[in-house]
Protein backbone atom coordinates (compact mmCIF):
# COMPACT_ATOMS: atom_id res chain seq x y z
CA MET A 1 126.13 63.15 150.53
CA ALA A 2 127.83 63.77 153.84
CA THR A 3 125.90 63.90 157.11
CA VAL A 4 127.42 65.51 160.20
CA ALA A 5 125.76 64.86 163.57
CA LEU A 6 126.04 67.68 166.16
CA SER A 7 125.17 67.28 169.82
CA GLY A 8 124.27 70.32 171.88
CA ILE A 9 123.51 73.94 171.11
CA ILE A 10 125.66 76.20 168.98
CA THR A 11 125.94 79.50 170.83
CA PRO A 12 125.94 82.89 169.02
CA SER A 13 129.48 83.62 170.23
CA ASN A 14 130.85 80.59 168.38
CA ILE A 15 130.63 80.39 164.60
CA VAL A 16 130.43 77.06 162.86
CA THR A 17 132.19 77.04 159.47
CA ALA A 18 132.50 74.31 156.87
CA THR A 19 136.04 73.71 155.61
CA SER A 20 134.94 70.91 153.30
CA THR A 21 131.83 68.88 152.72
CA THR A 22 132.58 66.65 155.67
CA THR A 23 134.50 68.70 158.30
CA LEU A 24 133.20 71.42 160.63
CA THR A 25 135.61 73.58 162.57
CA ASN A 26 135.45 76.22 165.31
CA LYS A 27 132.51 74.60 167.05
CA THR A 28 131.65 75.03 170.66
CA LEU A 29 128.73 73.03 171.93
CA SER A 30 126.87 73.43 175.19
CA ALA A 31 123.83 71.94 176.80
CA ALA A 32 123.91 68.20 176.29
CA ASN A 33 121.15 65.95 175.14
CA LEU A 34 120.36 67.82 171.89
CA THR A 35 121.25 66.22 168.55
CA THR A 36 121.07 68.06 165.21
CA ALA A 37 121.67 66.41 161.82
CA LEU A 38 123.08 68.67 159.10
CA THR A 39 123.06 67.24 155.55
CA LEU A 40 125.42 68.83 153.04
CA ALA A 41 125.49 68.64 149.24
CA GLY A 42 128.29 66.12 149.00
CA ALA A 43 131.11 66.78 146.53
CA ALA A 44 132.00 70.37 145.68
CA GLY A 45 130.44 70.23 142.19
CA THR A 46 132.20 71.58 139.12
CA ASN A 47 133.18 75.09 138.09
CA GLY A 48 130.13 77.20 137.19
CA GLN A 49 127.53 74.97 138.86
CA VAL A 50 125.04 76.31 141.38
CA LEU A 51 123.34 74.64 144.34
CA THR A 52 119.63 74.18 143.67
CA SER A 53 116.63 72.78 145.49
CA ALA A 54 113.55 71.08 144.09
CA GLY A 55 111.59 72.24 147.15
CA SER A 56 111.99 68.94 148.95
CA GLY A 57 114.69 66.39 149.54
CA LEU A 58 118.37 67.18 149.31
CA PRO A 59 119.91 70.09 147.37
CA SER A 60 122.01 69.25 144.33
CA TRP A 61 124.57 70.85 142.04
CA THR A 62 123.14 72.08 138.70
CA THR A 63 124.87 73.34 135.57
CA ILE A 64 123.53 76.72 134.47
CA ALA A 65 122.08 76.71 130.96
CA SER A 66 124.39 78.39 128.45
CA GLY A 67 121.58 80.38 126.78
CA LEU A 68 119.59 80.10 123.56
CA SER A 69 120.95 78.39 120.49
CA ALA A 70 120.75 80.04 117.06
CA ALA A 71 117.57 79.35 115.10
CA SER A 72 117.85 77.37 111.88
CA GLN A 73 116.52 78.66 108.55
CA ALA A 74 113.39 76.51 108.96
CA GLU A 75 112.80 77.84 112.49
CA MET A 76 113.20 81.44 111.32
CA GLU A 77 110.80 80.91 108.42
CA ALA A 78 108.22 79.23 110.69
CA ALA A 79 108.49 82.14 113.15
CA SER A 80 106.84 80.09 115.90
CA SER A 81 109.51 79.32 118.53
CA ASN A 82 110.63 81.27 121.60
CA ALA A 83 113.26 78.63 122.45
CA VAL A 84 115.84 79.72 119.83
CA ALA A 85 117.50 83.04 119.01
CA ALA A 86 117.50 85.21 115.90
CA THR A 87 121.09 86.12 115.00
CA PRO A 88 122.53 88.62 112.50
CA LEU A 89 123.28 85.69 110.17
CA ASN A 90 119.84 84.02 110.24
CA MET A 91 117.66 87.16 110.57
CA LYS A 92 117.38 87.30 106.78
CA PHE A 93 115.21 84.16 106.88
CA SER A 94 112.48 85.80 108.98
CA PRO A 95 109.21 86.47 107.10
CA ALA A 96 109.27 89.98 108.58
CA ALA A 97 112.72 90.88 107.21
CA ALA A 98 113.27 92.56 103.85
CA LYS A 99 115.31 90.22 101.63
CA ALA A 100 116.55 92.92 99.26
CA TRP A 101 116.25 96.67 98.85
CA ILE A 102 117.71 99.33 96.58
CA LYS A 103 117.70 103.06 95.91
CA ILE A 104 118.23 103.83 92.20
CA LYS A 105 119.10 107.36 91.09
CA VAL A 106 118.42 108.30 87.47
CA THR A 107 120.70 110.92 85.89
CA GLY A 108 120.35 111.83 82.22
CA GLY A 109 118.12 108.83 81.68
CA VAL A 110 120.71 106.41 83.13
CA PRO A 111 119.79 104.54 86.36
CA ALA A 112 122.54 103.90 88.93
CA ASN A 113 122.60 101.87 92.15
CA SER A 114 122.97 104.40 95.00
CA ILE A 115 122.77 101.88 97.84
CA SER A 116 121.38 98.38 98.12
CA LEU A 117 121.23 95.01 99.87
CA ASN A 118 121.32 91.68 98.01
CA VAL A 119 121.29 93.28 94.55
CA ALA A 120 123.62 91.89 91.87
CA SER A 121 122.85 94.42 89.12
CA ILE A 122 120.36 96.80 87.56
CA THR A 123 119.56 97.23 83.86
CA ASP A 124 118.17 100.22 81.97
CA VAL A 125 115.53 98.52 79.81
CA GLY A 126 114.22 101.78 78.35
CA VAL A 127 112.66 105.10 79.30
CA GLY A 128 110.89 104.56 82.62
CA ASN A 129 111.79 100.89 82.65
CA CYS A 130 114.43 99.49 85.02
CA SER A 131 115.08 95.86 85.98
CA VAL A 132 116.76 94.55 89.14
CA THR A 133 118.65 91.25 89.46
CA LEU A 134 119.10 89.84 92.96
CA THR A 135 122.24 88.17 94.28
CA THR A 136 120.33 85.56 96.30
CA GLY A 137 116.94 84.86 94.82
CA PHE A 138 113.65 83.72 96.25
CA SER A 139 112.42 80.13 96.42
CA SER A 140 109.77 80.91 93.77
CA VAL A 141 108.16 83.85 91.95
CA ASN A 142 105.71 84.19 94.85
CA TYR A 143 107.33 87.17 96.56
CA VAL A 144 106.43 90.81 97.08
CA VAL A 145 108.11 93.88 95.58
CA LEU A 146 107.22 97.31 96.90
CA CYS A 147 108.17 100.26 94.69
CA SER A 148 108.06 103.98 95.17
CA ILE A 149 109.41 106.77 92.97
CA ASP A 150 110.43 110.41 93.08
CA SER A 151 108.74 111.92 90.02
CA GLY A 152 110.53 115.23 90.43
CA GLY A 153 107.28 117.02 91.13
CA ASN A 154 105.65 115.86 87.91
CA ALA A 155 101.99 115.27 88.71
CA ASP A 156 101.39 113.63 85.33
CA VAL A 157 102.90 110.29 86.37
CA ALA A 158 100.99 107.08 86.97
CA SER A 159 101.85 104.58 89.73
CA PRO A 160 104.76 102.21 89.03
CA ASP A 161 103.89 98.94 87.31
CA VAL A 162 106.04 96.25 88.98
CA ARG A 163 106.48 92.88 87.30
CA ILE A 164 108.22 89.78 88.65
CA THR A 165 109.80 87.74 85.87
CA SER A 166 111.76 85.14 87.87
CA ALA A 167 112.93 84.24 91.38
CA THR A 168 115.85 86.66 90.91
CA VAL A 169 114.60 89.38 88.51
CA PHE A 170 111.88 92.01 88.69
CA PHE A 171 111.35 95.35 86.97
CA ALA A 172 109.24 98.48 87.12
CA GLU A 173 107.71 100.50 84.32
CA ILE A 174 106.85 104.15 84.86
CA HIS A 175 104.48 105.97 82.50
CA ASN A 176 102.85 109.34 82.45
CA ASN A 177 99.09 109.60 82.21
CA SER A 178 99.36 109.48 78.41
CA ASN A 179 101.01 106.03 78.75
CA VAL A 180 104.40 107.34 77.64
CA GLY A 181 107.51 106.06 79.41
CA PHE A 182 108.83 108.44 82.04
CA ASP A 183 112.16 108.34 83.92
CA PRO A 184 111.72 109.28 87.59
CA ARG A 185 114.51 110.95 89.52
CA GLU A 186 114.72 107.94 91.87
CA TYR A 187 113.27 104.44 92.33
CA TRP A 188 113.07 102.67 95.70
CA PHE A 189 112.43 98.93 95.87
CA VAL A 190 111.95 96.60 98.88
CA THR A 191 111.29 92.85 98.61
CA PHE A 192 109.77 90.30 101.01
CA GLY A 193 109.26 86.56 100.71
CA ASP A 194 110.79 83.11 101.18
CA GLN A 195 114.43 83.08 100.14
CA SER A 196 116.01 79.97 98.64
């Protein structure tokens, strides 16, 4: 720290400027017998630092925080910290994020992948029966698959029966109310859970 002692009064017509941490220039003092001590912050600090005060004592140079760091897979899965950031790369580990989804269009009894995320392949198992294999699987078979279908206006169709057979494979069976396999026009699947 540098301390500069001034004697006298600095008049409004004379500006006091600091040319470094220890030298004052352009000073005109009048009226003797008054001493003022001015304490400066010492060295100039480094590029990007700011002068801060703790509310008492001397000010000091502080480095500004660079921002949040990216959350790890464990931090994303725990979903309990506000001190780390979700990024496009680690967002997939959030419990709230879908881990895979697909729209399957069925033409002439043959299902085809229209658009998807994290799906390696689909298989036509039979009439009204389609399986999906994921690219990156789940950590166990304890995950959720939501399925919806477009029955083409056929009111004689029961709800899809979704079955999970492994951490990477699930399938849906569609039947009419007579328990006969029925191919919908489209399947839509969305999955949630803990990815491996």
